[in-house]
Amino acid sequence: MATLILVHGSWLGGWAWERVAPGLRASGHTVVCPSLAPAAPGVGLRTHIAEIVALIDRHDLTDVVLVGHSYGGMVITGAGYERPRRIRQLTYLDAYFPSPGQSAFDLQPVLRDACDAAAALRPEGEAWLIPPFGFEAMGLAAGDLAWVTARARPLSRATHEEPLPGPASGRPHPPATYLRCGGSPYFADAADTALRRGARLLTIEGAAHLAPLTDPERVGAALDRTS
């Protein structure tokens, strides 16, 4: 059994895993679902990486499986560079699979354009805030769409604009597993990159991007099987 730290994606919180976590705990895993720091001036990718590193250190965790969904892939990669000997595996769920020096916007320029358009609608002086958008295209039923929309919060632009810091010289990087959501169009390139770089690649056939919400049983089963 493993200690799984489940890191959510853009605009979401630890609550995004609440349909997945019970099944993993029932299988004997220890599961932690932190909510990353909310939008504020000065909050960026480095802030979120530091939060996950501090969580590992504070509880003296070892043999950790870090799971990152969507933007969470940026965060777990950075934490993997910081604490490689405490992490058994990095698991990417339809997520960014970055290299040092890359930002989320570098990997998905179309998202930068969409965020620029969304930010332009905010009051002057709040351009650093990116409001939630796009959930309508992510395969949610009407009730789930309303639930997610009510709970989603803006993010700081720096989370997607800051480049991923590189590892300290000589530190190994934990092995990676990439779980592609077969019904999602967003991270096919990331899955291909992960495979080329030696990650184990598995597909949850037909699953939409927000699979922790729309397909929690199969997400949980995949995490259980690969952790």
C-alpha atoms as a PDB file:
ATOM      1  CA  MET A   1       0.000   0.000   0.000  1.00  0.00           C
ATOM      2  CA  ALA A   2       1.137   3.541  -0.711  1.00  0.00           C
ATOM      3  CA  THR A   3       0.674   7.091   0.454  1.00  0.00           C
ATOM      4  CA  LEU A   4      -0.995   8.931  -2.416  1.00  0.00           C
ATOM      5  CA  ILE A   5      -0.988  12.717  -2.593  1.00  0.00           C
ATOM      6  CA  LEU A   6      -3.589  13.765  -5.165  1.00  0.00           C
ATOM      7  CA  VAL A   7      -2.936  17.193  -6.697  1.00  0.00           C
ATOM      8  CA  HIS A   8      -5.826  18.879  -8.474  1.00  0.00           C
ATOM      9  CA  GLY A   9      -5.936  20.883 -11.671  1.00  0.00           C
ATOM     10  CA  SER A  10      -6.654  24.487 -12.585  1.00  0.00           C
ATOM     11  CA  TRP A  11      -9.467  26.288 -10.748  1.00  0.00           C
ATOM     12  CA  LEU A  12     -10.257  23.243  -8.643  1.00  0.00           C
ATOM     13  CA  GLY A  13      -9.404  22.175  -5.084  1.00  0.00           C
ATOM     14  CA  GLY A  14      -8.833  19.043  -3.081  1.00  0.00           C
ATOM     15  CA  TRP A  15     -12.595  18.507  -3.308  1.00  0.00           C
ATOM     16  CA  ALA A  16     -12.134  17.419  -6.947  1.00  0.00           C
ATOM     17  CA  TRP A  17     -10.871  14.049  -5.669  1.00  0.00           C
ATOM     18  CA  GLU A  18     -13.656  13.342  -3.189  1.00  0.00           C
ATOM     19  CA  ARG A  19     -15.238  10.683  -5.431  1.00  0.00           C
ATOM     20  CA  VAL A  20     -11.888   8.925  -5.972  1.00  0.00           C
ATOM     21  CA  ALA A  21     -10.353   9.003  -2.497  1.00  0.00           C
ATOM     22  CA  PRO A  22     -12.827   6.712  -0.626  1.00  0.00           C
ATOM     23  CA  GLY A  23     -12.197   3.763  -2.935  1.00  0.00           C
ATOM     24  CA  LEU A  24      -8.433   4.147  -2.628  1.00  0.00           C
ATOM     25  CA  ARG A  25      -8.691   4.299   1.166  1.00  0.00           C
ATOM     26  CA  ALA A  26     -10.892   1.213   1.144  1.00  0.00           C
ATOM     27  CA  SER A  27      -8.092  -0.557  -0.736  1.00  0.00           C
ATOM     28  CA  GLY A  28      -5.700   0.289   2.093  1.00  0.00           C
ATOM     29  CA  HIS A  29      -3.933   3.344   0.721  1.00  0.00           C
ATOM     30  CA  THR A  30      -3.315   6.513   2.692  1.00  0.00           C
ATOM     31  CA  VAL A  31      -4.769   9.355   0.609  1.00  0.00           C
ATOM     32  CA  VAL A  32      -4.153  13.095   0.992  1.00  0.00           C
ATOM     33  CA  CYS A  33      -6.006  15.639  -1.163  1.00  0.00           C
ATOM     34  CA  PRO A  34      -4.532  19.097  -0.518  1.00  0.00           C
ATOM     35  CA  SER A  35      -6.007  22.288  -1.908  1.00  0.00           C
ATOM     36  CA  LEU A  36      -3.279  24.426  -3.440  1.00  0.00           C
ATOM     37  CA  ALA A  37      -2.936  28.052  -2.365  1.00  0.00           C
ATOM     38  CA  PRO A  38      -5.696  30.208  -3.858  1.00  0.00           C
ATOM     39  CA  ALA A  39      -5.094  33.074  -6.227  1.00  0.00           C
ATOM     40  CA  ALA A  40      -3.230  36.005  -4.722  1.00  0.00           C
ATOM     41  CA  PRO A  41      -0.420  38.338  -5.790  1.00  0.00           C
ATOM     42  CA  GLY A  42       2.826  36.397  -5.607  1.00  0.00           C
ATOM     43  CA  VAL A  43       1.228  32.953  -5.823  1.00  0.00           C
ATOM     44  CA  GLY A  44       2.648  30.933  -8.696  1.00  0.00           C
ATOM     45  CA  LEU A  45       3.914  27.523  -9.703  1.00  0.00           C
ATOM     46  CA  ARG A  46       6.825  27.703  -7.261  1.00  0.00           C
ATOM     47  CA  THR A  47       4.364  28.407  -4.442  1.00  0.00           C
ATOM     48  CA  HIS A  48       2.409  25.261  -5.201  1.00  0.00           C
ATOM     49  CA  ILE A  49       5.516  23.106  -5.559  1.00  0.00           C
ATOM     50  CA  ALA A  50       6.749  24.373  -2.199  1.00  0.00           C
ATOM     51  CA  GLU A  51       3.394  23.479  -0.607  1.00  0.00           C
ATOM     52  CA  ILE A  52       3.625  19.857  -1.704  1.00  0.00           C
ATOM     53  CA  VAL A  53       7.261  19.615  -0.619  1.00  0.00           C
ATOM     54  CA  ALA A  54       6.334  21.080   2.782  1.00  0.00           C
ATOM     55  CA  LEU A  55       3.485  18.574   3.129  1.00  0.00           C
ATOM     56  CA  ILE A  56       5.883  15.686   2.524  1.00  0.00           C
ATOM     57  CA  ASP A  57       8.420  17.089   4.973  1.00  0.00           C
ATOM     58  CA  ARG A  58       5.929  18.043   7.678  1.00  0.00           C
ATOM     59  CA  HIS A  59       4.555  14.516   7.901  1.00  0.00           C
ATOM     60  CA  ASP A  60       7.911  12.848   7.181  1.00  0.00           C
ATOM     61  CA  LEU A  61       6.336  10.932   4.308  1.00  0.00           C
ATOM     62  CA  THR A  62       8.249   8.331   2.322  1.00  0.00           C
ATOM     63  CA  ASP A  63       7.330   5.938  -0.473  1.00  0.00           C
ATOM     64  CA  VAL A  64       4.913   8.580  -1.783  1.00  0.00           C
ATOM     65  CA  VAL A  65       2.966   8.363  -5.020  1.00  0.00           C
ATOM     66  CA  LEU A  66       2.376  11.908  -6.258  1.00  0.00           C
ATOM     67  CA  VAL A  67      -0.616  12.127  -8.586  1.00  0.00           C
ATOM     68  CA  GLY A  68      -1.170  15.241 -10.672  1.00  0.00           C
ATOM     69  CA  HIS A  69      -4.272  15.952 -12.740  1.00  0.00           C
ATOM     70  CA  SER A  70      -4.033  18.543 -15.513  1.00  0.00           C
ATOM     71  CA  TYR A  71      -2.071  21.544 -14.090  1.00  0.00           C
ATOM     72  CA  GLY A  72      -1.156  19.273 -11.173  1.00  0.00           C
ATOM     73  CA  GLY A  73       1.360  17.638 -13.519  1.00  0.00           C
ATOM     74  CA  MET A  74       3.449  20.815 -13.350  1.00  0.00           C
ATOM     75  CA  VAL A  75       3.365  20.744  -9.552  1.00  0.00           C
ATOM     76  CA  ILE A  76       4.256  17.087  -9.040  1.00  0.00           C
ATOM     77  CA  THR A  77       7.151  17.335 -11.494  1.00  0.00           C
ATOM     78  CA  GLY A  78       8.669  20.171  -9.477  1.00  0.00           C
ATOM     79  CA  ALA A  79       8.099  18.361  -6.190  1.00  0.00           C
ATOM     80  CA  GLY A  80       9.703  15.265  -7.688  1.00  0.00           C
ATOM     81  CA  TYR A  81      12.838  17.279  -8.378  1.00  0.00           C
ATOM     82  CA  GLU A  82      12.879  18.526  -4.783  1.00  0.00           C
ATOM     83  CA  ARG A  83      12.227  15.261  -2.899  1.00  0.00           C
ATOM     84  CA  PRO A  84      13.104  12.378  -5.259  1.00  0.00           C
ATOM     85  CA  ARG A  85      14.147   9.969  -2.511  1.00  0.00           C
ATOM     86  CA  ARG A  86      10.809  10.291  -0.720  1.00  0.00           C
ATOM     87  CA  ILE A  87       8.706   9.672  -3.832  1.00  0.00           C
ATOM     88  CA  ARG A  88       8.072   6.205  -5.225  1.00  0.00           C
ATOM     89  CA  GLN A  89       6.370   7.400  -8.381  1.00  0.00           C
ATOM     90  CA  LEU A  90       4.912  10.369 -10.218  1.00  0.00           C
ATOM     91  CA  THR A  91       1.540   9.631 -11.804  1.00  0.00           C
ATOM     92  CA  TYR A  92       0.172  12.028 -14.404  1.00  0.00           C
ATOM     93  CA  LEU A  93      -3.579  11.940 -15.063  1.00  0.00           C
ATOM     94  CA  ASP A  94      -4.330  13.731 -18.344  1.00  0.00           C
ATOM     95  CA  ALA A  95      -1.746  16.260 -17.226  1.00  0.00           C
ATOM     96  CA  TYR A  96       1.167  18.397 -18.298  1.00  0.00           C
ATOM     97  CA  PHE A  97       4.429  16.488 -18.625  1.00  0.00           C
ATOM     98  CA  PRO A  98       6.937  19.364 -18.571  1.00  0.00           C
ATOM     99  CA  SER A  99      10.690  19.732 -18.840  1.00  0.00           C
ATOM    100  CA  PRO A 100      12.649  22.253 -16.753  1.00  0.00           C
ATOM    101  CA  GLY A 101      12.213  25.764 -18.081  1.00  0.00           C
ATOM    102  CA  GLN A 102       8.778  25.105 -19.595  1.00  0.00           C
ATOM    103  CA  SER A 103       5.580  26.725 -18.357  1.00  0.00           C
ATOM    104  CA  ALA A 104       2.037  25.504 -18.818  1.00  0.00           C
ATOM    105  CA  PHE A 105       1.501  28.299 -21.327  1.00  0.00           C
ATOM    106  CA  ASP A 106       4.585  27.181 -23.266  1.00  0.00           C
ATOM    107  CA  LEU A 107       3.121  23.707 -23.560  1.00  0.00           C
ATOM    108  CA  GLN A 108      -0.377  24.914 -24.486  1.00  0.00           C
ATOM    109  CA  PRO A 109      -0.176  28.324 -26.192  1.00  0.00           C
ATOM    110  CA  VAL A 110      -3.878  28.088 -27.027  1.00  0.00           C
ATOM    111  CA  LEU A 111      -4.580  28.179 -23.291  1.00  0.00           C
ATOM    112  CA  ARG A 112      -2.533  31.374 -22.981  1.00  0.00           C
ATOM    113  CA  ASP A 113      -4.694  32.953 -25.671  1.00  0.00           C
ATOM    114  CA  ALA A 114      -7.888  31.834 -23.930  1.00  0.00           C
ATOM    115  CA  CYS A 115      -6.666  33.137 -20.573  1.00  0.00           C
ATOM    116  CA  ASP A 116      -5.726  36.456 -22.145  1.00  0.00           C
ATOM    117  CA  ALA A 117      -9.245  36.776 -23.524  1.00  0.00           C
ATOM    118  CA  ALA A 118     -10.801  35.865 -20.172  1.00  0.00           C
ATOM    119  CA  ALA A 119      -8.547  38.259 -18.266  1.00  0.00           C
ATOM    120  CA  ALA A 120      -9.484  41.093 -20.611  1.00  0.00           C
ATOM    121  CA  LEU A 121     -13.039  40.879 -19.292  1.00  0.00           C
ATOM    122  CA  ARG A 122     -11.950  41.486 -15.682  1.00  0.00           C
ATOM    123  CA  PRO A 123     -11.658  44.930 -14.089  1.00  0.00           C
ATOM    124  CA  GLU A 124      -8.440  46.817 -14.721  1.00  0.00           C
ATOM    125  CA  GLY A 125      -5.832  45.793 -12.171  1.00  0.00           C
ATOM    126  CA  GLU A 126      -7.042  42.182 -11.970  1.00  0.00           C
ATOM    127  CA  ALA A 127      -5.388  40.888 -15.138  1.00  0.00           C
ATOM    128  CA  TRP A 128      -3.266  38.582 -12.974  1.00  0.00           C
ATOM    129  CA  LEU A 129      -6.456  36.654 -12.125  1.00  0.00           C
ATOM    130  CA  ILE A 130      -7.748  34.026 -14.542  1.00  0.00           C
ATOM    131  CA  PRO A 131     -11.431  33.193 -13.964  1.00  0.00           C
ATOM    132  CA  PRO A 132     -12.675  29.618 -14.413  1.00  0.00           C
ATOM    133  CA  PHE A 133     -13.854  28.760 -17.904  1.00  0.00           C
ATOM    134  CA  GLY A 134     -14.270  25.848 -20.286  1.00  0.00           C
ATOM    135  CA  PHE A 135     -15.997  23.354 -17.999  1.00  0.00           C
ATOM    136  CA  GLU A 136     -18.905  23.109 -20.444  1.00  0.00           C
ATOM    137  CA  ALA A 137     -16.638  21.251 -22.896  1.00  0.00           C
ATOM    138  CA  MET A 138     -15.326  18.695 -20.404  1.00  0.00           C
ATOM    139  CA  GLY A 139     -18.017  16.046 -20.450  1.00  0.00           C
ATOM    140  CA  LEU A 140     -19.839  16.978 -17.242  1.00  0.00           C
ATOM    141  CA  ALA A 141     -23.482  16.165 -16.660  1.00  0.00           C
ATOM    142  CA  ALA A 142     -25.671  19.180 -15.916  1.00  0.00           C
ATOM    143  CA  GLY A 143     -25.678  18.603 -12.156  1.00  0.00           C
ATOM    144  CA  ASP A 144     -21.918  18.137 -12.014  1.00  0.00           C
ATOM    145  CA  LEU A 145     -21.355  21.193 -14.194  1.00  0.00           C
ATOM    146  CA  ALA A 146     -23.341  23.330 -11.774  1.00  0.00           C
ATOM    147  CA  TRP A 147     -21.504  21.799  -8.793  1.00  0.00           C
ATOM    148  CA  VAL A 148     -18.037  22.401 -10.261  1.00  0.00           C
ATOM    149  CA  THR A 149     -18.891  25.887 -11.489  1.00  0.00           C
ATOM    150  CA  ALA A 150     -20.112  26.875  -8.019  1.00  0.00           C
ATOM    151  CA  ARG A 151     -16.905  25.662  -6.323  1.00  0.00           C
ATOM    152  CA  ALA A 152     -14.277  26.654  -8.897  1.00  0.00           C
ATOM    153  CA  ARG A 153     -12.125  29.677  -8.090  1.00  0.00           C
ATOM    154  CA  PRO A 154      -9.872  31.983 -10.140  1.00  0.00           C
ATOM    155  CA  LEU A 155      -6.200  31.161 -10.414  1.00  0.00           C
ATOM    156  CA  SER A 156      -3.134  33.347 -10.465  1.00  0.00           C
ATOM    157  CA  ARG A 157      -1.705  33.779 -13.927  1.00  0.00           C
ATOM    158  CA  ALA A 158       1.772  33.063 -12.548  1.00  0.00           C
ATOM    159  CA  THR A 159       0.790  29.434 -11.918  1.00  0.00           C
ATOM    160  CA  HIS A 160       0.728  28.886 -15.682  1.00  0.00           C
ATOM    161  CA  GLU A 161       3.295  31.506 -16.669  1.00  0.00           C
ATOM    162  CA  GLU A 162       6.173  30.569 -14.349  1.00  0.00           C
ATOM    163  CA  PRO A 163       8.637  28.079 -15.857  1.00  0.00           C
ATOM    164  CA  LEU A 164       9.258  24.798 -14.095  1.00  0.00           C
ATOM    165  CA  PRO A 165      12.421  25.011 -11.954  1.00  0.00           C
ATOM    166  CA  GLY A 166      15.088  22.446 -12.736  1.00  0.00           C
ATOM    167  CA  PRO A 167      16.414  19.776 -10.382  1.00  0.00           C
ATOM    168  CA  ALA A 168      19.479  20.166  -8.231  1.00  0.00           C
ATOM    169  CA  SER A 169      22.512  18.670  -9.944  1.00  0.00           C
ATOM    170  CA  GLY A 170      22.852  14.930  -9.524  1.00  0.00           C
ATOM    171  CA  ARG A 171      19.414  14.282  -8.055  1.00  0.00           C
ATOM    172  CA  PRO A 172      17.547  11.345  -9.587  1.00  0.00           C
ATOM    173  CA  HIS A 173      13.948  11.794 -10.714  1.00  0.00           C
ATOM    174  CA  PRO A 174      11.216   9.363  -9.642  1.00  0.00           C
ATOM    175  CA  PRO A 175       9.789   7.003 -12.279  1.00  0.00           C
ATOM    176  CA  ALA A 176       6.653   8.179 -14.055  1.00  0.00           C
ATOM    177  CA  THR A 177       3.340   6.667 -15.073  1.00  0.00           C
ATOM    178  CA  TYR A 178       1.053   8.538 -17.455  1.00  0.00           C
ATOM    179  CA  LEU A 179      -2.692   7.839 -17.373  1.00  0.00           C
ATOM    180  CA  ARG A 180      -4.237   9.234 -20.505  1.00  0.00           C
ATOM    181  CA  CYS A 181      -7.957   9.952 -20.575  1.00  0.00           C
ATOM    182  CA  GLY A 182      -8.950   8.472 -23.923  1.00  0.00           C
ATOM    183  CA  GLY A 183     -11.934  10.759 -24.430  1.00  0.00           C
ATOM    184  CA  SER A 184      -9.988  13.954 -23.739  1.00  0.00           C
ATOM    185  CA  PRO A 185      -8.390  15.999 -26.555  1.00  0.00           C
ATOM    186  CA  TYR A 186      -6.280  18.169 -24.286  1.00  0.00           C
ATOM    187  CA  PHE A 187      -3.131  16.205 -23.424  1.00  0.00           C
ATOM    188  CA  ALA A 188      -2.516  13.728 -26.238  1.00  0.00           C
ATOM    189  CA  ASP A 189       0.828  15.428 -26.956  1.00  0.00           C
ATOM    190  CA  ALA A 190       1.824  15.197 -23.307  1.00  0.00           C
ATOM    191  CA  ALA A 191       1.070  11.473 -23.279  1.00  0.00           C
ATOM    192  CA  ASP A 192       3.238  10.980 -26.367  1.00  0.00           C
ATOM    193  CA  THR A 193       6.050  12.968 -24.755  1.00  0.00           C
ATOM    194  CA  ALA A 194       5.804  10.906 -21.591  1.00  0.00           C
ATOM    195  CA  LEU A 195       6.055   7.677 -23.565  1.00  0.00           C
ATOM    196  CA  ARG A 196       9.111   8.915 -25.497  1.00  0.00           C
ATOM    197  CA  ARG A 197      10.798   9.799 -22.214  1.00  0.00           C
ATOM    198  CA  GLY A 198      10.311   6.339 -20.788  1.00  0.00           C
ATOM    199  CA  ALA A 199       7.130   6.715 -18.744  1.00  0.00           C
ATOM    200  CA  ARG A 200       4.693   3.834 -18.457  1.00  0.00           C
ATOM    201  CA  LEU A 201       1.625   4.817 -20.484  1.00  0.00           C
ATOM    202  CA  LEU A 202      -1.890   3.540 -19.816  1.00  0.00           C
ATOM    203  CA  THR A 203      -5.201   4.754 -21.239  1.00  0.00           C
ATOM    204  CA  ILE A 204      -8.549   5.006 -19.488  1.00  0.00           C
ATOM    205  CA  GLU A 205     -10.620   4.436 -22.597  1.00  0.00           C
ATOM    206  CA  GLY A 206     -13.352   6.974 -23.260  1.00  0.00           C
ATOM    207  CA  ALA A 207     -12.702   8.966 -20.075  1.00  0.00           C
ATOM    208  CA  ALA A 208     -13.168  12.736 -20.251  1.00  0.00           C
ATOM    209  CA  HIS A 209     -10.620  15.234 -18.959  1.00  0.00           C
ATOM    210  CA  LEU A 210     -12.411  15.682 -15.632  1.00  0.00           C
ATOM    211  CA  ALA A 211     -12.371  11.935 -15.061  1.00  0.00           C
ATOM    212  CA  PRO A 212     -11.921  12.251 -11.262  1.00  0.00           C
ATOM    213  CA  LEU A 213     -15.469  13.634 -11.323  1.00  0.00           C
ATOM    214  CA  THR A 214     -17.027  11.820 -14.281  1.00  0.00           C
ATOM    215  CA  ASP A 215     -15.351   8.422 -13.974  1.00  0.00           C
ATOM    216  CA  PRO A 216     -14.047   8.113 -10.403  1.00  0.00           C
ATOM    217  CA  GLU A 217     -14.264   4.325 -10.167  1.00  0.00           C
ATOM    218  CA  ARG A 218     -12.015   3.744 -13.156  1.00  0.00           C
ATOM    219  CA  VAL A 219      -9.629   6.496 -12.102  1.00  0.00           C
ATOM    220  CA  GLY A 220      -9.385   4.964  -8.636  1.00  0.00           C
ATOM    221  CA  ALA A 221      -8.880   1.485 -10.073  1.00  0.00           C
ATOM    222  CA  ALA A 222      -6.077   2.749 -12.341  1.00  0.00           C
ATOM    223  CA  LEU A 223      -4.350   4.514  -9.446  1.00  0.00           C
ATOM    224  CA  ASP A 224      -4.713   1.459  -7.250  1.00  0.00           C
ATOM    225  CA  ARG A 225      -3.303  -0.805  -9.937  1.00  0.00           C
ATOM    226  CA  THR A 226      -0.321   1.409 -10.765  1.00  0.00           C
ATOM    227  CA  SER A 227       0.696   2.661  -7.296  1.00  0.00           C
END
